[in-house]
Amino acid sequence: MSDYTLFVLSLAGPCFFLFLQVSVVQTAVEMIKSAQVNGLSPLTFISLFVNCVIWSLYGFGINDLTVFIPNAIGTLVGLFCSITYHLYCVDVPYSLYVISGLIIIFSFVLYNSNDFENIGMTGVVISILLTGSPLSVLKHVINEKSTQRLPFNTTVLMCGNSISWLLYGLYVNKITVIIPNFIGFLLTIAQLALFVIYGFAKPKVSNRKAVHMNSKEDV
């Protein structure tokens, strides 16, 4: 029974995380189609990239494929989404790039020193940042009384991801997995509460569609 439980939990976390990555890619594709970032924060995409780099190092270092494989894939996804955001954003977040680069360099230094415990603790901080990143637009959500800037599907998957990894962490008794996912669960609940309070926002018409519709009216 214990082996079966471990098997299920070892699959649940990575599966939810991969679904989450698909959702983030869909968001990036929408940015490409609309040629704009749709009011989203760069923190979501950049923190995903940095988070996955760190946990890939951690998982590889301690020979835990359950941690390594989904995060190795997530590194590529995070890089793609971050580049996509960079191409279509108006204000390039250079300071965020610098901070992210320094964190990654620091993590590689720890990896070369076989300091996997501190790599894990660094991952804990970034994981919390990733899960709470949609709340970086909280001020706009409250002022506009709209959830337009919050990605609902991504938030739901983040919630499921946090729960599944929390259960895995509790089962294998890894504090570096338990802490960020417990806090992440609370943060995603707070984000979902905003949808209960303000409801679902109507999708905005992209600039391209607006111009096309106006041109039709002029004919």
N, C-alpha and C. Protein backbone atom coordinates (compact mmCIF):
# COMPACT_ATOMS: atom_id res chain seq x y z
N MET A 1 0.84 -1.21 0.00
CA MET A 1 0.00 0.00 0.00
C MET A 1 0.87 1.25 0.00
N SER A 2 1.93 1.24 0.81
CA SER A 2 2.80 2.41 0.89
C SER A 2 3.50 2.67 -0.43
N ASP A 3 3.91 1.59 -1.11
CA ASP A 3 4.57 1.75 -2.41
C ASP A 3 3.59 2.32 -3.43
N TYR A 4 2.34 1.86 -3.39
CA TYR A 4 1.32 2.36 -4.31
C TYR A 4 1.04 3.84 -4.05
N THR A 5 0.94 4.22 -2.78
CA THR A 5 0.70 5.63 -2.42
C THR A 5 1.84 6.52 -2.91
N LEU A 6 3.05 6.06 -2.69
CA LEU A 6 4.21 6.82 -3.14
C LEU A 6 4.21 6.96 -4.66
N PHE A 7 3.83 5.89 -5.35
CA PHE A 7 3.76 5.91 -6.82
C PHE A 7 2.76 6.94 -7.31
N VAL A 8 1.58 6.95 -6.69
CA VAL A 8 0.51 7.89 -7.08
C VAL A 8 0.95 9.33 -6.83
N LEU A 9 1.50 9.58 -5.65
CA LEU A 9 1.94 10.93 -5.30
C LEU A 9 3.12 11.38 -6.16
N SER A 10 3.96 10.43 -6.55
CA SER A 10 5.11 10.75 -7.40
C SER A 10 4.66 11.15 -8.81
N LEU A 11 3.48 10.67 -9.20
CA LEU A 11 2.93 11.03 -10.52
C LEU A 11 2.07 12.29 -10.45
N ALA A 12 1.32 12.45 -9.35
CA ALA A 12 0.36 13.55 -9.24
C ALA A 12 1.05 14.91 -9.33
N GLY A 13 2.12 15.10 -8.56
CA GLY A 13 2.82 16.38 -8.55
C GLY A 13 3.35 16.78 -9.92
N PRO A 14 4.15 15.89 -10.56
CA PRO A 14 4.65 16.22 -11.89
C PRO A 14 3.55 16.45 -12.92
N CYS A 15 2.47 15.66 -12.85
CA CYS A 15 1.37 15.82 -13.81
C CYS A 15 0.71 17.18 -13.67
N PHE A 16 0.40 17.58 -12.45
CA PHE A 16 -0.20 18.89 -12.23
C PHE A 16 0.74 20.00 -12.69
N PHE A 17 2.03 19.81 -12.42
CA PHE A 17 3.00 20.83 -12.81
C PHE A 17 3.12 20.94 -14.32
N LEU A 18 3.04 19.81 -15.01
CA LEU A 18 3.09 19.82 -16.48
C LEU A 18 1.84 20.47 -17.05
N PHE A 19 0.67 20.18 -16.44
CA PHE A 19 -0.57 20.84 -16.87
C PHE A 19 -0.47 22.35 -16.66
N LEU A 20 0.14 22.74 -15.55
CA LEU A 20 0.35 24.15 -15.26
C LEU A 20 1.22 24.79 -16.34
N GLN A 21 2.24 24.10 -16.75
CA GLN A 21 3.13 24.61 -17.79
C GLN A 21 2.40 24.78 -19.12
N VAL A 22 1.52 23.82 -19.43
CA VAL A 22 0.71 23.93 -20.65
C VAL A 22 -0.15 25.18 -20.59
N SER A 23 -0.74 25.44 -19.43
CA SER A 23 -1.58 26.62 -19.25
C SER A 23 -0.78 27.90 -19.45
N VAL A 24 0.45 27.93 -18.93
CA VAL A 24 1.30 29.10 -19.08
C VAL A 24 1.69 29.30 -20.54
N VAL A 25 1.95 28.19 -21.25
CA VAL A 25 2.27 28.28 -22.68
C VAL A 25 1.09 28.84 -23.45
N GLN A 26 -0.13 28.41 -23.09
CA GLN A 26 -1.33 28.94 -23.74
C GLN A 26 -1.44 30.44 -23.54
N THR A 27 -1.07 30.91 -22.35
CA THR A 27 -1.08 32.34 -22.07
C THR A 27 -0.07 33.06 -22.96
N ALA A 28 1.10 32.45 -23.15
CA ALA A 28 2.13 33.04 -24.02
C ALA A 28 1.65 33.08 -25.47
N VAL A 29 0.95 32.03 -25.90
CA VAL A 29 0.41 31.99 -27.27
C VAL A 29 -0.62 33.10 -27.46
N GLU A 30 -1.42 33.35 -26.43
CA GLU A 30 -2.41 34.44 -26.51
C GLU A 30 -1.72 35.79 -26.63
N MET A 31 -0.56 35.94 -25.98
CA MET A 31 0.20 37.18 -26.10
C MET A 31 0.70 37.34 -27.53
N ILE A 32 1.13 36.24 -28.13
CA ILE A 32 1.62 36.29 -29.51
C ILE A 32 0.49 36.67 -30.46
N LYS A 33 -0.70 36.08 -30.25
CA LYS A 33 -1.84 36.35 -31.12
C LYS A 33 -2.30 37.80 -31.01
N SER A 34 -2.31 38.33 -29.80
CA SER A 34 -2.79 39.70 -29.59
C SER A 34 -1.68 40.74 -29.71
N ALA A 35 -0.43 40.26 -29.77
CA ALA A 35 0.74 41.15 -29.88
C ALA A 35 0.83 42.12 -28.71
N GLN A 36 0.40 41.66 -27.53
CA GLN A 36 0.49 42.46 -26.31
C GLN A 36 0.47 41.52 -25.11
N VAL A 37 0.86 42.05 -23.95
CA VAL A 37 0.98 41.19 -22.76
C VAL A 37 -0.31 41.13 -21.95
N ASN A 38 -1.32 41.84 -22.40
CA ASN A 38 -2.66 41.77 -21.79
C ASN A 38 -2.68 42.08 -20.30
N GLY A 39 -1.81 43.00 -19.88
CA GLY A 39 -1.79 43.44 -18.50
C GLY A 39 -1.18 42.45 -17.51
N LEU A 40 -0.60 41.38 -18.02
CA LEU A 40 -0.01 40.36 -17.13
C LEU A 40 1.34 40.82 -16.59
N SER A 41 1.70 40.26 -15.45
CA SER A 41 2.97 40.60 -14.83
C SER A 41 4.09 39.70 -15.36
N PRO A 42 5.29 40.25 -15.58
CA PRO A 42 6.42 39.42 -16.03
C PRO A 42 6.89 38.46 -14.95
N LEU A 43 6.51 38.73 -13.70
CA LEU A 43 6.96 37.92 -12.58
C LEU A 43 6.53 36.47 -12.72
N THR A 44 5.35 36.24 -13.27
CA THR A 44 4.84 34.88 -13.43
C THR A 44 5.77 34.05 -14.29
N PHE A 45 6.19 34.60 -15.42
CA PHE A 45 6.99 33.85 -16.39
C PHE A 45 8.46 33.74 -15.97
N ILE A 46 9.01 34.84 -15.48
CA ILE A 46 10.42 34.84 -15.08
C ILE A 46 10.63 33.98 -13.83
N SER A 47 9.70 34.07 -12.87
CA SER A 47 9.83 33.25 -11.67
C SER A 47 9.66 31.77 -11.99
N LEU A 48 8.85 31.44 -12.99
CA LEU A 48 8.71 30.05 -13.43
C LEU A 48 10.05 29.54 -13.94
N PHE A 49 10.71 30.34 -14.77
CA PHE A 49 12.01 29.94 -15.33
C PHE A 49 13.05 29.75 -14.23
N VAL A 50 13.18 30.74 -13.35
CA VAL A 50 14.18 30.68 -12.27
C VAL A 50 13.85 29.53 -11.33
N ASN A 51 12.58 29.38 -10.97
CA ASN A 51 12.15 28.31 -10.07
C ASN A 51 12.53 26.95 -10.62
N CYS A 52 12.28 26.74 -11.91
CA CYS A 52 12.55 25.43 -12.52
C CYS A 52 14.04 25.15 -12.65
N VAL A 53 14.83 26.19 -12.91
CA VAL A 53 16.28 26.00 -12.96
C VAL A 53 16.79 25.52 -11.61
N ILE A 54 16.34 26.17 -10.54
CA ILE A 54 16.79 25.83 -9.19
C ILE A 54 16.37 24.42 -8.79
N TRP A 55 15.09 24.09 -9.03
CA TRP A 55 14.62 22.76 -8.63
C TRP A 55 15.17 21.66 -9.52
N SER A 56 15.54 21.99 -10.75
CA SER A 56 16.22 21.01 -11.61
C SER A 56 17.58 20.67 -11.02
N LEU A 57 18.30 21.69 -10.57
CA LEU A 57 19.61 21.47 -9.93
C LEU A 57 19.44 20.64 -8.65
N TYR A 58 18.41 20.99 -7.88
CA TYR A 58 18.17 20.28 -6.62
C TYR A 58 17.81 18.82 -6.88
N GLY A 59 16.86 18.59 -7.79
CA GLY A 59 16.42 17.23 -8.09
C GLY A 59 17.53 16.37 -8.66
N PHE A 60 18.34 16.96 -9.55
CA PHE A 60 19.46 16.23 -10.14
C PHE A 60 20.52 15.92 -9.08
N GLY A 61 20.74 16.89 -8.20
CA GLY A 61 21.77 16.74 -7.18
C GLY A 61 21.46 15.66 -6.17
N ILE A 62 20.17 15.49 -5.83
CA ILE A 62 19.80 14.48 -4.84
C ILE A 62 19.23 13.22 -5.51
N ASN A 63 19.34 13.15 -6.84
CA ASN A 63 18.88 11.98 -7.61
C ASN A 63 17.40 11.69 -7.43
N ASP A 64 16.59 12.76 -7.45
CA ASP A 64 15.14 12.62 -7.33
C ASP A 64 14.51 13.00 -8.67
N LEU A 65 14.19 11.98 -9.48
CA LEU A 65 13.64 12.22 -10.82
C LEU A 65 12.24 12.84 -10.76
N THR A 66 11.51 12.58 -9.67
CA THR A 66 10.18 13.17 -9.51
C THR A 66 10.26 14.69 -9.48
N VAL A 67 11.33 15.21 -8.92
CA VAL A 67 11.55 16.65 -8.87
C VAL A 67 12.25 17.14 -10.14
N PHE A 68 13.22 16.37 -10.62
CA PHE A 68 14.07 16.83 -11.72
C PHE A 68 13.34 16.93 -13.07
N ILE A 69 12.65 15.87 -13.49
CA ILE A 69 12.09 15.80 -14.84
C ILE A 69 11.09 16.92 -15.13
N PRO A 70 10.04 17.13 -14.30
CA PRO A 70 9.08 18.21 -14.62
C PRO A 70 9.71 19.59 -14.57
N ASN A 71 10.72 19.77 -13.72
CA ASN A 71 11.36 21.08 -13.64
C ASN A 71 12.34 21.33 -14.79
N ALA A 72 12.93 20.26 -15.31
CA ALA A 72 13.79 20.40 -16.49
C ALA A 72 12.95 20.86 -17.68
N ILE A 73 11.76 20.26 -17.81
CA ILE A 73 10.83 20.68 -18.88
C ILE A 73 10.36 22.10 -18.61
N GLY A 74 10.07 22.40 -17.34
CA GLY A 74 9.60 23.73 -16.97
C GLY A 74 10.62 24.82 -17.24
N THR A 75 11.91 24.47 -17.19
CA THR A 75 12.96 25.45 -17.50
C THR A 75 12.81 25.94 -18.94
N LEU A 76 12.56 25.01 -19.85
CA LEU A 76 12.38 25.37 -21.27
C LEU A 76 11.10 26.17 -21.46
N VAL A 77 10.03 25.75 -20.77
CA VAL A 77 8.75 26.46 -20.86
C VAL A 77 8.88 27.88 -20.32
N GLY A 78 9.51 28.01 -19.17
CA GLY A 78 9.70 29.32 -18.56
C GLY A 78 10.53 30.25 -19.44
N LEU A 79 11.55 29.69 -20.08
CA LEU A 79 12.40 30.49 -20.96
C LEU A 79 11.60 30.97 -22.16
N PHE A 80 10.81 30.09 -22.76
CA PHE A 80 9.99 30.45 -23.91
C PHE A 80 8.99 31.56 -23.56
N CYS A 81 8.31 31.40 -22.42
CA CYS A 81 7.30 32.37 -22.01
C CYS A 81 7.93 33.72 -21.64
N SER A 82 9.11 33.67 -21.02
CA SER A 82 9.80 34.91 -20.64
C SER A 82 10.24 35.68 -21.88
N ILE A 83 10.74 34.96 -22.87
CA ILE A 83 11.15 35.60 -24.14
C ILE A 83 9.93 36.19 -24.85
N THR A 84 8.82 35.45 -24.82
CA THR A 84 7.59 35.93 -25.46
C THR A 84 7.12 37.22 -24.79
N TYR A 85 7.15 37.25 -23.47
CA TYR A 85 6.75 38.47 -22.75
C TYR A 85 7.68 39.63 -23.12
N HIS A 86 8.96 39.35 -23.19
CA HIS A 86 9.94 40.40 -23.51
C HIS A 86 9.66 41.01 -24.89
N LEU A 87 9.25 40.18 -25.83
CA LEU A 87 9.02 40.66 -27.20
C LEU A 87 7.81 41.58 -27.31
N TYR A 88 6.82 41.39 -26.43
CA TYR A 88 5.57 42.15 -26.58
C TYR A 88 5.29 43.14 -25.44
N CYS A 89 6.17 43.19 -24.44
CA CYS A 89 5.92 44.13 -23.35
C CYS A 89 6.35 45.55 -23.75
N VAL A 90 5.76 46.53 -23.09
CA VAL A 90 6.11 47.93 -23.34
C VAL A 90 7.29 48.34 -22.46
N ASP A 91 7.20 48.00 -21.19
CA ASP A 91 8.29 48.31 -20.24
C ASP A 91 9.07 47.04 -19.95
N VAL A 92 10.27 46.96 -20.46
CA VAL A 92 11.11 45.78 -20.28
C VAL A 92 11.61 45.72 -18.83
N PRO A 93 11.37 44.62 -18.11
CA PRO A 93 11.76 44.51 -16.70
C PRO A 93 13.24 44.14 -16.52
N TYR A 94 14.13 45.05 -16.88
CA TYR A 94 15.56 44.75 -16.84
C TYR A 94 16.03 44.42 -15.42
N SER A 95 15.51 45.13 -14.44
CA SER A 95 15.94 44.86 -13.06
C SER A 95 15.59 43.44 -12.64
N LEU A 96 14.44 42.97 -13.10
CA LEU A 96 14.01 41.61 -12.80
C LEU A 96 14.94 40.59 -13.47
N TYR A 97 15.41 40.93 -14.68
CA TYR A 97 16.35 40.07 -15.38
C TYR A 97 17.65 39.94 -14.60
N VAL A 98 18.13 41.07 -14.11
CA VAL A 98 19.40 41.09 -13.37
C VAL A 98 19.30 40.26 -12.09
N ILE A 99 18.22 40.48 -11.34
CA ILE A 99 18.01 39.75 -10.08
C ILE A 99 17.91 38.25 -10.35
N SER A 100 17.17 37.89 -11.40
CA SER A 100 16.99 36.48 -11.76
C SER A 100 18.33 35.84 -12.13
N GLY A 101 19.12 36.58 -12.91
CA GLY A 101 20.43 36.08 -13.31
C GLY A 101 21.34 35.83 -12.11
N LEU A 102 21.31 36.74 -11.16
CA LEU A 102 22.14 36.61 -9.96
C LEU A 102 21.70 35.40 -9.12
N ILE A 103 20.39 35.18 -9.03
CA ILE A 103 19.87 34.03 -8.27
C ILE A 103 20.31 32.72 -8.92
N ILE A 104 20.24 32.67 -10.25
CA ILE A 104 20.64 31.46 -10.96
C ILE A 104 22.14 31.19 -10.80
N ILE A 105 22.95 32.24 -10.90
CA ILE A 105 24.40 32.09 -10.71
C ILE A 105 24.69 31.59 -9.29
N PHE A 106 24.00 32.17 -8.31
CA PHE A 106 24.17 31.77 -6.92
C PHE A 106 23.82 30.29 -6.74
N SER A 107 22.77 29.84 -7.42
CA SER A 107 22.33 28.44 -7.31
C SER A 107 23.36 27.50 -7.92
N PHE A 108 23.97 27.90 -9.02
CA PHE A 108 25.01 27.06 -9.64
C PHE A 108 26.25 26.99 -8.75
N VAL A 109 26.55 28.08 -8.05
CA VAL A 109 27.67 28.08 -7.11
C VAL A 109 27.40 27.07 -5.99
N LEU A 110 26.16 27.09 -5.47
CA LEU A 110 25.78 26.13 -4.43
C LEU A 110 25.84 24.70 -4.96
N TYR A 111 25.41 24.52 -6.20
CA TYR A 111 25.42 23.17 -6.80
C TYR A 111 26.85 22.64 -6.92
N ASN A 112 27.76 23.50 -7.37
CA ASN A 112 29.16 23.08 -7.51
C ASN A 112 29.79 22.78 -6.16
N SER A 113 29.22 23.35 -5.09
CA SER A 113 29.71 23.09 -3.74
C SER A 113 28.97 21.92 -3.08
N ASN A 114 28.07 21.28 -3.86
CA ASN A 114 27.25 20.18 -3.33
C ASN A 114 26.40 20.61 -2.13
N ASP A 115 26.03 21.89 -2.11
CA ASP A 115 25.21 22.42 -1.02
C ASP A 115 23.74 22.35 -1.43
N PHE A 116 23.22 21.14 -1.50
CA PHE A 116 21.86 20.94 -2.00
C PHE A 116 20.79 21.43 -1.03
N GLU A 117 21.12 21.46 0.25
CA GLU A 117 20.16 21.94 1.24
C GLU A 117 19.83 23.41 1.00
N ASN A 118 20.85 24.23 0.76
CA ASN A 118 20.61 25.65 0.51
C ASN A 118 20.03 25.91 -0.88
N ILE A 119 20.32 25.01 -1.83
CA ILE A 119 19.64 25.11 -3.14
C ILE A 119 18.15 24.92 -2.92
N GLY A 120 17.81 23.93 -2.09
CA GLY A 120 16.41 23.66 -1.80
C GLY A 120 15.74 24.83 -1.11
N MET A 121 16.44 25.47 -0.17
CA MET A 121 15.86 26.61 0.54
C MET A 121 15.68 27.80 -0.41
N THR A 122 16.63 27.96 -1.35
CA THR A 122 16.47 29.01 -2.37
C THR A 122 15.24 28.71 -3.22
N GLY A 123 15.08 27.43 -3.56
CA GLY A 123 13.91 27.02 -4.32
C GLY A 123 12.61 27.26 -3.57
N VAL A 124 12.65 27.11 -2.25
CA VAL A 124 11.47 27.36 -1.43
C VAL A 124 11.00 28.80 -1.61
N VAL A 125 11.94 29.74 -1.53
CA VAL A 125 11.60 31.17 -1.64
C VAL A 125 11.04 31.48 -3.03
N ILE A 126 11.69 30.96 -4.07
CA ILE A 126 11.26 31.24 -5.44
C ILE A 126 9.92 30.57 -5.74
N SER A 127 9.70 29.38 -5.18
CA SER A 127 8.42 28.69 -5.39
C SER A 127 7.26 29.50 -4.82
N ILE A 128 7.48 30.06 -3.64
CA ILE A 128 6.45 30.91 -3.03
C ILE A 128 6.20 32.14 -3.90
N LEU A 129 7.28 32.70 -4.42
CA LEU A 129 7.18 33.87 -5.30
C LEU A 129 6.40 33.52 -6.56
N LEU A 130 6.68 32.32 -7.13
CA LEU A 130 5.98 31.88 -8.34
C LEU A 130 4.49 31.73 -8.09
N THR A 131 4.14 31.05 -7.01
CA THR A 131 2.73 30.81 -6.72
C THR A 131 1.97 32.10 -6.44
N GLY A 132 2.64 33.03 -5.78
CA GLY A 132 1.98 34.30 -5.45
C GLY A 132 2.15 35.37 -6.49
N SER A 133 2.86 35.06 -7.59
CA SER A 133 3.16 36.09 -8.60
C SER A 133 1.93 36.76 -9.20
N PRO A 134 0.81 36.02 -9.44
CA PRO A 134 -0.38 36.71 -9.95
C PRO A 134 -0.89 37.81 -9.03
N LEU A 135 -0.58 37.71 -7.72
CA LEU A 135 -1.03 38.72 -6.77
C LEU A 135 -0.26 40.03 -6.91
N SER A 136 0.77 40.04 -7.78
CA SER A 136 1.52 41.27 -8.01
C SER A 136 0.65 42.33 -8.69
N VAL A 137 -0.47 41.89 -9.28
CA VAL A 137 -1.41 42.83 -9.92
C VAL A 137 -2.62 43.07 -9.01
N LEU A 138 -2.49 42.72 -7.73
CA LEU A 138 -3.61 42.83 -6.79
C LEU A 138 -4.17 44.25 -6.73
N LYS A 139 -3.29 45.24 -6.73
CA LYS A 139 -3.72 46.63 -6.67
C LYS A 139 -4.63 46.97 -7.85
N HIS A 140 -4.25 46.50 -9.05
CA HIS A 140 -5.06 46.77 -10.25
C HIS A 140 -6.40 46.03 -10.18
N VAL A 141 -6.37 44.80 -9.67
CA VAL A 141 -7.60 44.01 -9.56
C VAL A 141 -8.60 44.72 -8.66
N ILE A 142 -8.13 45.22 -7.52
CA ILE A 142 -9.01 45.89 -6.56
C ILE A 142 -9.50 47.23 -7.11
N ASN A 143 -8.59 48.02 -7.69
CA ASN A 143 -8.97 49.33 -8.22
C ASN A 143 -9.94 49.21 -9.39
N GLU A 144 -9.71 48.22 -10.25
CA GLU A 144 -10.55 48.04 -11.43
C GLU A 144 -11.77 47.17 -11.14
N LYS A 145 -11.75 46.51 -9.94
CA LYS A 145 -12.81 45.58 -9.57
C LYS A 145 -13.03 44.56 -10.69
N SER A 146 -11.92 44.08 -11.20
CA SER A 146 -11.95 43.13 -12.32
C SER A 146 -10.80 42.13 -12.19
N THR A 147 -11.06 40.88 -12.60
CA THR A 147 -10.04 39.83 -12.57
C THR A 147 -9.40 39.64 -13.94
N GLN A 148 -9.53 40.65 -14.80
CA GLN A 148 -8.98 40.57 -16.15
C GLN A 148 -7.49 40.21 -16.15
N ARG A 149 -6.76 40.72 -15.18
CA ARG A 149 -5.31 40.52 -15.13
C ARG A 149 -4.91 39.20 -14.45
N LEU A 150 -5.88 38.48 -13.90
CA LEU A 150 -5.58 37.21 -13.23
C LEU A 150 -5.92 36.03 -14.14
N PRO A 151 -4.98 35.13 -14.41
CA PRO A 151 -5.26 33.95 -15.24
C PRO A 151 -5.94 32.85 -14.42
N PHE A 152 -7.24 32.64 -14.65
CA PHE A 152 -8.00 31.71 -13.83
C PHE A 152 -7.51 30.27 -13.96
N ASN A 153 -7.35 29.79 -15.20
CA ASN A 153 -6.93 28.40 -15.41
C ASN A 153 -5.58 28.13 -14.75
N THR A 154 -4.67 29.07 -14.90
CA THR A 154 -3.35 28.92 -14.30
C THR A 154 -3.45 28.88 -12.78
N THR A 155 -4.32 29.71 -12.21
CA THR A 155 -4.49 29.76 -10.76
C THR A 155 -5.04 28.44 -10.22
N VAL A 156 -6.03 27.88 -10.93
CA VAL A 156 -6.61 26.60 -10.51
C VAL A 156 -5.55 25.49 -10.54
N LEU A 157 -4.76 25.48 -11.61
CA LEU A 157 -3.71 24.46 -11.73
C LEU A 157 -2.61 24.66 -10.69
N MET A 158 -2.32 25.93 -10.36
CA MET A 158 -1.35 26.20 -9.30
C MET A 158 -1.85 25.65 -7.97
N CYS A 159 -3.14 25.76 -7.73
CA CYS A 159 -3.73 25.26 -6.50
C CYS A 159 -3.59 23.73 -6.44
N GLY A 160 -3.97 23.06 -7.53
CA GLY A 160 -3.83 21.61 -7.60
C GLY A 160 -2.38 21.17 -7.49
N ASN A 161 -1.50 21.94 -8.12
CA ASN A 161 -0.07 21.64 -8.08
C ASN A 161 0.46 21.73 -6.65
N SER A 162 0.05 22.78 -5.93
CA SER A 162 0.51 22.96 -4.55
C SER A 162 0.01 21.84 -3.65
N ILE A 163 -1.25 21.44 -3.83
CA ILE A 163 -1.81 20.37 -3.00
C ILE A 163 -1.08 19.05 -3.24
N SER A 164 -0.87 18.72 -4.53
CA SER A 164 -0.24 17.43 -4.84
C SER A 164 1.20 17.36 -4.35
N TRP A 165 1.95 18.46 -4.51
CA TRP A 165 3.33 18.46 -4.03
C TRP A 165 3.39 18.51 -2.51
N LEU A 166 2.41 19.16 -1.89
CA LEU A 166 2.34 19.19 -0.42
C LEU A 166 2.16 17.78 0.13
N LEU A 167 1.26 17.02 -0.48
CA LEU A 167 1.03 15.64 -0.05
C LEU A 167 2.27 14.79 -0.27
N TYR A 168 2.94 15.01 -1.41
CA TYR A 168 4.18 14.26 -1.69
C TYR A 168 5.25 14.60 -0.66
N GLY A 169 5.38 15.89 -0.36
CA GLY A 169 6.37 16.32 0.62
C GLY A 169 6.11 15.75 2.01
N LEU A 170 4.83 15.72 2.39
CA LEU A 170 4.47 15.16 3.70
C LEU A 170 4.78 13.66 3.75
N TYR A 171 4.52 12.98 2.63
CA TYR A 171 4.73 11.53 2.60
C TYR A 171 6.20 11.15 2.67
N VAL A 172 7.04 11.91 1.94
CA VAL A 172 8.49 11.58 1.95
C VAL A 172 9.24 12.40 2.99
N ASN A 173 8.49 13.24 3.72
CA ASN A 173 9.07 14.04 4.81
C ASN A 173 10.20 14.96 4.34
N LYS A 174 9.90 15.77 3.30
CA LYS A 174 10.88 16.75 2.80
C LYS A 174 10.36 18.15 3.09
N ILE A 175 10.99 18.81 4.03
CA ILE A 175 10.54 20.13 4.47
C ILE A 175 10.65 21.16 3.36
N THR A 176 11.65 20.97 2.46
CA THR A 176 11.83 21.92 1.35
C THR A 176 10.70 21.82 0.33
N VAL A 177 9.97 20.73 0.35
CA VAL A 177 8.81 20.57 -0.53
C VAL A 177 7.53 20.99 0.21
N ILE A 178 7.48 20.71 1.51
CA ILE A 178 6.27 21.01 2.29
C ILE A 178 6.02 22.51 2.43
N ILE A 179 7.06 23.26 2.84
CA ILE A 179 6.88 24.69 3.15
C ILE A 179 6.35 25.51 1.97
N PRO A 180 7.03 25.48 0.78
CA PRO A 180 6.55 26.34 -0.30
C PRO A 180 5.17 25.96 -0.81
N ASN A 181 4.84 24.67 -0.76
CA ASN A 181 3.55 24.24 -1.30
C ASN A 181 2.40 24.47 -0.32
N PHE A 182 2.69 24.47 0.98
CA PHE A 182 1.66 24.84 1.95
C PHE A 182 1.33 26.33 1.81
N ILE A 183 2.37 27.16 1.73
CA ILE A 183 2.17 28.60 1.55
C ILE A 183 1.54 28.86 0.18
N GLY A 184 2.02 28.11 -0.83
CA GLY A 184 1.47 28.26 -2.18
C GLY A 184 -0.01 27.94 -2.24
N PHE A 185 -0.43 26.92 -1.49
CA PHE A 185 -1.85 26.56 -1.43
C PHE A 185 -2.68 27.72 -0.87
N LEU A 186 -2.19 28.34 0.20
CA LEU A 186 -2.90 29.47 0.81
C LEU A 186 -2.98 30.65 -0.16
N LEU A 187 -1.89 30.90 -0.89
CA LEU A 187 -1.86 32.02 -1.84
C LEU A 187 -2.83 31.80 -3.00
N THR A 188 -2.91 30.56 -3.49
CA THR A 188 -3.83 30.29 -4.61
C THR A 188 -5.28 30.38 -4.15
N ILE A 189 -5.55 30.00 -2.90
CA ILE A 189 -6.91 30.15 -2.37
C ILE A 189 -7.27 31.63 -2.32
N ALA A 190 -6.31 32.47 -1.93
CA ALA A 190 -6.55 33.92 -1.89
C ALA A 190 -6.84 34.45 -3.29
N GLN A 191 -6.14 33.93 -4.29
CA GLN A 191 -6.37 34.36 -5.67
C GLN A 191 -7.73 33.91 -6.17
N LEU A 192 -8.11 32.68 -5.86
CA LEU A 192 -9.43 32.18 -6.27
C LEU A 192 -10.55 32.95 -5.59
N ALA A 193 -10.29 33.43 -4.38
CA ALA A 193 -11.29 34.22 -3.66
C ALA A 193 -11.61 35.51 -4.40
N LEU A 194 -10.61 36.05 -5.13
CA LEU A 194 -10.83 37.28 -5.90
C LEU A 194 -11.83 37.05 -7.03
N PHE A 195 -11.84 35.83 -7.59
CA PHE A 195 -12.82 35.51 -8.64
C PHE A 195 -14.22 35.40 -8.04
N VAL A 196 -14.31 34.95 -6.79
CA VAL A 196 -15.60 34.88 -6.11
C VAL A 196 -16.11 36.29 -5.84
N ILE A 197 -15.20 37.19 -5.45
CA ILE A 197 -15.58 38.56 -5.10
C ILE A 197 -15.94 39.38 -6.34
N TYR A 198 -15.07 39.32 -7.37
CA TYR A 198 -15.24 40.20 -8.54
C TYR A 198 -15.79 39.49 -9.77
N GLY A 199 -15.90 38.17 -9.72
CA GLY A 199 -16.43 37.43 -10.86
C GLY A 199 -15.40 37.30 -11.97
N PHE A 200 -15.85 36.77 -13.11
CA PHE A 200 -14.97 36.57 -14.25
C PHE A 200 -15.08 37.76 -15.20
N ALA A 201 -13.93 38.28 -15.60
CA ALA A 201 -13.92 39.44 -16.49
C ALA A 201 -14.20 39.02 -17.93
N LYS A 202 -14.87 39.90 -18.65
CA LYS A 202 -15.11 39.63 -20.06
C LYS A 202 -13.82 39.83 -20.83
N PRO A 203 -13.52 38.95 -21.81
CA PRO A 203 -12.28 39.08 -22.57
C PRO A 203 -12.25 40.37 -23.36
N LYS A 204 -11.08 41.02 -23.34
CA LYS A 204 -10.93 42.26 -24.10
C LYS A 204 -10.69 41.97 -25.57
N VAL A 205 -11.17 42.85 -26.41
CA VAL A 205 -10.92 42.73 -27.84
C VAL A 205 -9.53 43.25 -28.13
N SER A 206 -8.70 42.44 -28.81
CA SER A 206 -7.33 42.85 -29.09
C SER A 206 -7.30 44.01 -30.06
N ASN A 207 -6.18 44.71 -30.11
CA ASN A 207 -6.04 45.87 -30.99
C ASN A 207 -6.23 45.49 -32.45
N ARG A 208 -5.69 44.31 -32.82
CA ARG A 208 -5.82 43.87 -34.21
C ARG A 208 -7.28 43.67 -34.59
N LYS A 209 -8.05 42.99 -33.68
CA LYS A 209 -9.46 42.74 -33.96
C LYS A 209 -10.24 44.04 -33.99
N ALA A 210 -9.90 44.97 -33.09
CA ALA A 210 -10.60 46.24 -33.03
C ALA A 210 -10.42 47.02 -34.32
N VAL A 211 -9.17 47.05 -34.82
CA VAL A 211 -8.88 47.76 -36.07
C VAL A 211 -9.63 47.11 -37.22
N HIS A 212 -9.66 45.76 -37.23
CA HIS A 212 -10.34 45.03 -38.29
C HIS A 212 -11.83 45.32 -38.26
N MET A 213 -12.44 45.36 -37.07
CA MET A 213 -13.86 45.63 -36.95
C MET A 213 -14.20 47.04 -37.37
N ASN A 214 -13.32 48.00 -37.01
CA ASN A 214 -13.55 49.39 -37.38
C ASN A 214 -13.47 49.59 -38.89
N SER A 215 -12.53 48.85 -39.51
CA SER A 215 -12.37 48.98 -40.96
C SER A 215 -13.60 48.44 -41.68
N LYS A 216 -14.22 47.39 -41.09
CA LYS A 216 -15.43 46.83 -41.69
C LYS A 216 -16.59 47.82 -41.60
N GLU A 217 -16.65 48.54 -40.46
CA GLU A 217 -17.74 49.50 -40.27
C GLU A 217 -17.60 50.68 -41.22
N ASP A 218 -16.35 51.02 -41.56
CA ASP A 218 -16.11 52.17 -42.44
C ASP A 218 -16.47 51.88 -43.89
N VAL A 219 -16.50 50.56 -44.26
CA VAL A 219 -16.75 50.21 -45.66
C VAL A 219 -18.21 50.44 -46.03
